[in-house]
C-alpha atoms as a PDB file:
ATOM      1  CA  MET A   1      17.002 -29.416 -13.536  1.00  0.00           C
ATOM      2  CA  LYS A   2      17.204 -27.789 -10.094  1.00  0.00           C
ATOM      3  CA  PRO A   3      13.979 -26.391  -8.608  1.00  0.00           C
ATOM      4  CA  ILE A   4      13.243 -22.671  -8.872  1.00  0.00           C
ATOM      5  CA  ASN A   5      13.279 -20.906  -5.488  1.00  0.00           C
ATOM      6  CA  VAL A   6      10.211 -18.659  -5.215  1.00  0.00           C
ATOM      7  CA  LEU A   7       9.643 -16.124  -2.445  1.00  0.00           C
ATOM      8  CA  PHE A   8       6.104 -14.805  -1.960  1.00  0.00           C
ATOM      9  CA  VAL A   9       6.089 -11.425  -0.173  1.00  0.00           C
ATOM     10  CA  MET A  10       2.873 -10.405   1.585  1.00  0.00           C
ATOM     11  CA  PRO A  11       2.044  -7.314   3.637  1.00  0.00           C
ATOM     12  CA  GLN A  12       0.880  -9.339   6.646  1.00  0.00           C
ATOM     13  CA  MET A  13       0.393 -12.816   8.010  1.00  0.00           C
ATOM     14  CA  GLY A  14      -3.406 -12.865   8.129  1.00  0.00           C
ATOM     15  CA  MET A  15      -5.908 -14.944   6.224  1.00  0.00           C
ATOM     16  CA  GLY A  16      -7.467 -12.533   3.779  1.00  0.00           C
ATOM     17  CA  GLY A  17      -7.729 -12.858   0.005  1.00  0.00           C
ATOM     18  CA  SER A  18      -4.050 -12.422  -0.898  1.00  0.00           C
ATOM     19  CA  GLU A  19      -2.889 -14.644   1.928  1.00  0.00           C
ATOM     20  CA  ARG A  20      -5.274 -17.374   0.769  1.00  0.00           C
ATOM     21  CA  LEU A  21      -3.905 -16.992  -2.746  1.00  0.00           C
ATOM     22  CA  VAL A  22      -0.301 -17.313  -1.534  1.00  0.00           C
ATOM     23  CA  HIS A  23      -1.216 -20.268   0.680  1.00  0.00           C
ATOM     24  CA  THR A  24      -2.918 -22.058  -2.218  1.00  0.00           C
ATOM     25  CA  LEU A  25      -0.030 -21.357  -4.596  1.00  0.00           C
ATOM     26  CA  ALA A  26       2.558 -22.583  -2.088  1.00  0.00           C
ATOM     27  CA  LEU A  27       0.450 -25.664  -1.374  1.00  0.00           C
ATOM     28  CA  LYS A  28      -0.161 -26.575  -5.033  1.00  0.00           C
ATOM     29  CA  LEU A  29       3.215 -25.774  -6.631  1.00  0.00           C
ATOM     30  CA  ASP A  30       5.031 -28.832  -7.952  1.00  0.00           C
ATOM     31  CA  ARG A  31       7.814 -29.304  -5.365  1.00  0.00           C
ATOM     32  CA  ASN A  32       9.958 -31.039  -7.987  1.00  0.00           C
ATOM     33  CA  ARG A  33      10.023 -27.787  -9.969  1.00  0.00           C
ATOM     34  CA  PHE A  34       9.597 -25.088  -7.287  1.00  0.00           C
ATOM     35  CA  ASN A  35      10.742 -24.410  -3.727  1.00  0.00           C
ATOM     36  CA  PRO A  36       8.247 -21.907  -2.298  1.00  0.00           C
ATOM     37  CA  SER A  37       8.865 -19.693   0.712  1.00  0.00           C
ATOM     38  CA  VAL A  38       6.884 -16.823   2.233  1.00  0.00           C
ATOM     39  CA  ALA A  39       7.879 -13.464   3.723  1.00  0.00           C
ATOM     40  CA  TRP A  40       5.628 -10.877   5.359  1.00  0.00           C
ATOM     41  CA  LEU A  41       6.126  -7.400   6.813  1.00  0.00           C
ATOM     42  CA  TYR A  42       3.513  -6.835   9.562  1.00  0.00           C
ATOM     43  CA  GLY A  43       2.636  -8.991  12.567  1.00  0.00           C
ATOM     44  CA  ASN A  44       5.078 -11.584  13.860  1.00  0.00           C
ATOM     45  CA  GLU A  45       2.505 -14.311  14.564  1.00  0.00           C
ATOM     46  CA  VAL A  46       2.533 -17.210  12.084  1.00  0.00           C
ATOM     47  CA  LEU A  47      -0.766 -18.805  11.069  1.00  0.00           C
ATOM     48  CA  ARG A  48      -1.058 -22.563  11.519  1.00  0.00           C
ATOM     49  CA  GLU A  49      -2.056 -22.936   7.847  1.00  0.00           C
ATOM     50  CA  PHE A  50       1.332 -21.562   6.799  1.00  0.00           C
ATOM     51  CA  LYS A  51       3.245 -23.603   9.392  1.00  0.00           C
ATOM     52  CA  ASP A  52       1.540 -26.722   8.042  1.00  0.00           C
ATOM     53  CA  LEU A  53       3.029 -26.048   4.586  1.00  0.00           C
ATOM     54  CA  ARG A  54       6.499 -26.893   5.962  1.00  0.00           C
ATOM     55  CA  ILE A  55       8.207 -24.242   3.868  1.00  0.00           C
ATOM     56  CA  PRO A  56      10.594 -21.461   4.928  1.00  0.00           C
ATOM     57  CA  LEU A  57       8.731 -18.549   6.523  1.00  0.00           C
ATOM     58  CA  HIS A  58      10.421 -15.159   6.956  1.00  0.00           C
ATOM     59  CA  TYR A  59       9.099 -12.351   9.137  1.00  0.00           C
ATOM     60  CA  ILE A  60      10.770  -9.134   7.968  1.00  0.00           C
ATOM     61  CA  PRO A  61       9.374  -6.344  10.176  1.00  0.00           C
ATOM     62  CA  LYS A  62       8.478  -3.001   8.610  1.00  0.00           C
ATOM     63  CA  LYS A  63       8.350  -0.321  11.304  1.00  0.00           C
ATOM     64  CA  LYS A  64       8.530   3.031   9.536  1.00  0.00           C
ATOM     65  CA  ARG A  65       6.645   4.579   6.636  1.00  0.00           C
ATOM     66  CA  ILE A  66       9.748   4.245   4.457  1.00  0.00           C
ATOM     67  CA  ASP A  67      11.926   1.582   6.053  1.00  0.00           C
ATOM     68  CA  PHE A  68      15.301   1.077   4.363  1.00  0.00           C
ATOM     69  CA  GLN A  69      16.272  -1.494   6.995  1.00  0.00           C
ATOM     70  CA  THR A  70      13.350  -3.638   5.841  1.00  0.00           C
ATOM     71  CA  MET A  71      14.489  -3.289   2.224  1.00  0.00           C
ATOM     72  CA  ARG A  72      17.988  -4.444   3.186  1.00  0.00           C
ATOM     73  CA  ALA A  73      16.616  -7.338   5.260  1.00  0.00           C
ATOM     74  CA  LEU A  74      14.478  -8.468   2.326  1.00  0.00           C
ATOM     75  CA  ARG A  75      17.513  -8.331   0.044  1.00  0.00           C
ATOM     76  CA  GLU A  76      19.497 -10.392   2.556  1.00  0.00           C
ATOM     77  CA  THR A  77      16.684 -12.968   2.676  1.00  0.00           C
ATOM     78  CA  ILE A  78      16.670 -13.181  -1.120  1.00  0.00           C
ATOM     79  CA  GLU A  79      20.434 -13.685  -1.209  1.00  0.00           C
ATOM     80  CA  ALA A  80      20.695 -16.074   1.760  1.00  0.00           C
ATOM     81  CA  ASN A  81      17.985 -18.351   0.360  1.00  0.00           C
ATOM     82  CA  SER A  82      19.157 -18.240  -3.269  1.00  0.00           C
ATOM     83  CA  ILE A  83      15.760 -16.937  -4.371  1.00  0.00           C
ATOM     84  CA  ASP A  84      15.274 -16.922  -8.145  1.00  0.00           C
ATOM     85  CA  VAL A  85      11.814 -15.315  -8.372  1.00  0.00           C
ATOM     86  CA  VAL A  86      10.018 -12.958  -5.995  1.00  0.00           C
ATOM     87  CA  ASN A  87       6.224 -12.684  -6.209  1.00  0.00           C
ATOM     88  CA  ALA A  88       5.128  -9.551  -4.329  1.00  0.00           C
ATOM     89  CA  GLN A  89       1.496  -9.267  -3.307  1.00  0.00           C
ATOM     90  CA  HIS A  90       0.242  -5.645  -3.440  1.00  0.00           C
ATOM     91  CA  PHE A  91       2.009  -2.376  -4.174  1.00  0.00           C
ATOM     92  CA  MET A  92       4.042  -1.775  -0.996  1.00  0.00           C
ATOM     93  CA  PRO A  93       5.648  -5.246  -0.923  1.00  0.00           C
ATOM     94  CA  ALA A  94       6.440  -4.776  -4.636  1.00  0.00           C
ATOM     95  CA  ILE A  95       8.372  -1.561  -3.887  1.00  0.00           C
ATOM     96  CA  TYR A  96      10.347  -3.246  -1.108  1.00  0.00           C
ATOM     97  CA  SER A  97      10.914  -6.346  -3.229  1.00  0.00           C
ATOM     98  CA  TYR A  98      12.118  -4.263  -6.183  1.00  0.00           C
ATOM     99  CA  TYR A  99      15.031  -2.961  -4.146  1.00  0.00           C
ATOM    100  CA  GLY A 100      15.877  -6.450  -2.901  1.00  0.00           C
ATOM    101  CA  CYS A 101      15.694  -7.994  -6.379  1.00  0.00           C
ATOM    102  CA  LYS A 102      17.843  -5.327  -8.027  1.00  0.00           C
ATOM    103  CA  MET A 103      20.492  -5.365  -5.306  1.00  0.00           C
ATOM    104  CA  ALA A 104      20.582  -9.184  -5.199  1.00  0.00           C
ATOM    105  CA  ALA A 105      21.939  -9.731  -8.722  1.00  0.00           C
ATOM    106  CA  ASN A 106      18.793  -8.750 -10.630  1.00  0.00           C
ATOM    107  CA  LYS A 107      16.416 -11.469  -9.476  1.00  0.00           C
ATOM    108  CA  ALA A 108      13.053 -11.758 -11.245  1.00  0.00           C
ATOM    109  CA  LEU A 109      10.178  -9.817  -9.684  1.00  0.00           C
ATOM    110  CA  ILE A 110       6.513 -10.520 -10.335  1.00  0.00           C
ATOM    111  CA  SER A 111       4.012  -8.149  -8.788  1.00  0.00           C
ATOM    112  CA  THR A 112       0.447  -9.267  -8.157  1.00  0.00           C
ATOM    113  CA  THR A 113      -1.887  -6.311  -7.659  1.00  0.00           C
ATOM    114  CA  HIS A 114      -5.239  -7.116  -6.092  1.00  0.00           C
END
């Protein structure tokens, strides 16, 4: 069976509670069953902890309060990387991920609210 491509979407690349959760999940997922990747919306600097995971990392900048360009870019990332499941961390990434999942052939969306 081919691995499931999972994209974790976080608001920012920092090391707070949700980022630690995503880091731990990406680190511990069985790589024979899952291919994790991470996207974030604020701050273009990448933390060493995430670089060390050796997984795809996607900075998708959000610049406006409601940023349709960011929604499209997230959809393009989902499509280009054949993402099967999106796990959005917090409300705002869930809204942006919803658009991307629905437009990219109804991909699965899981929202984690902290």
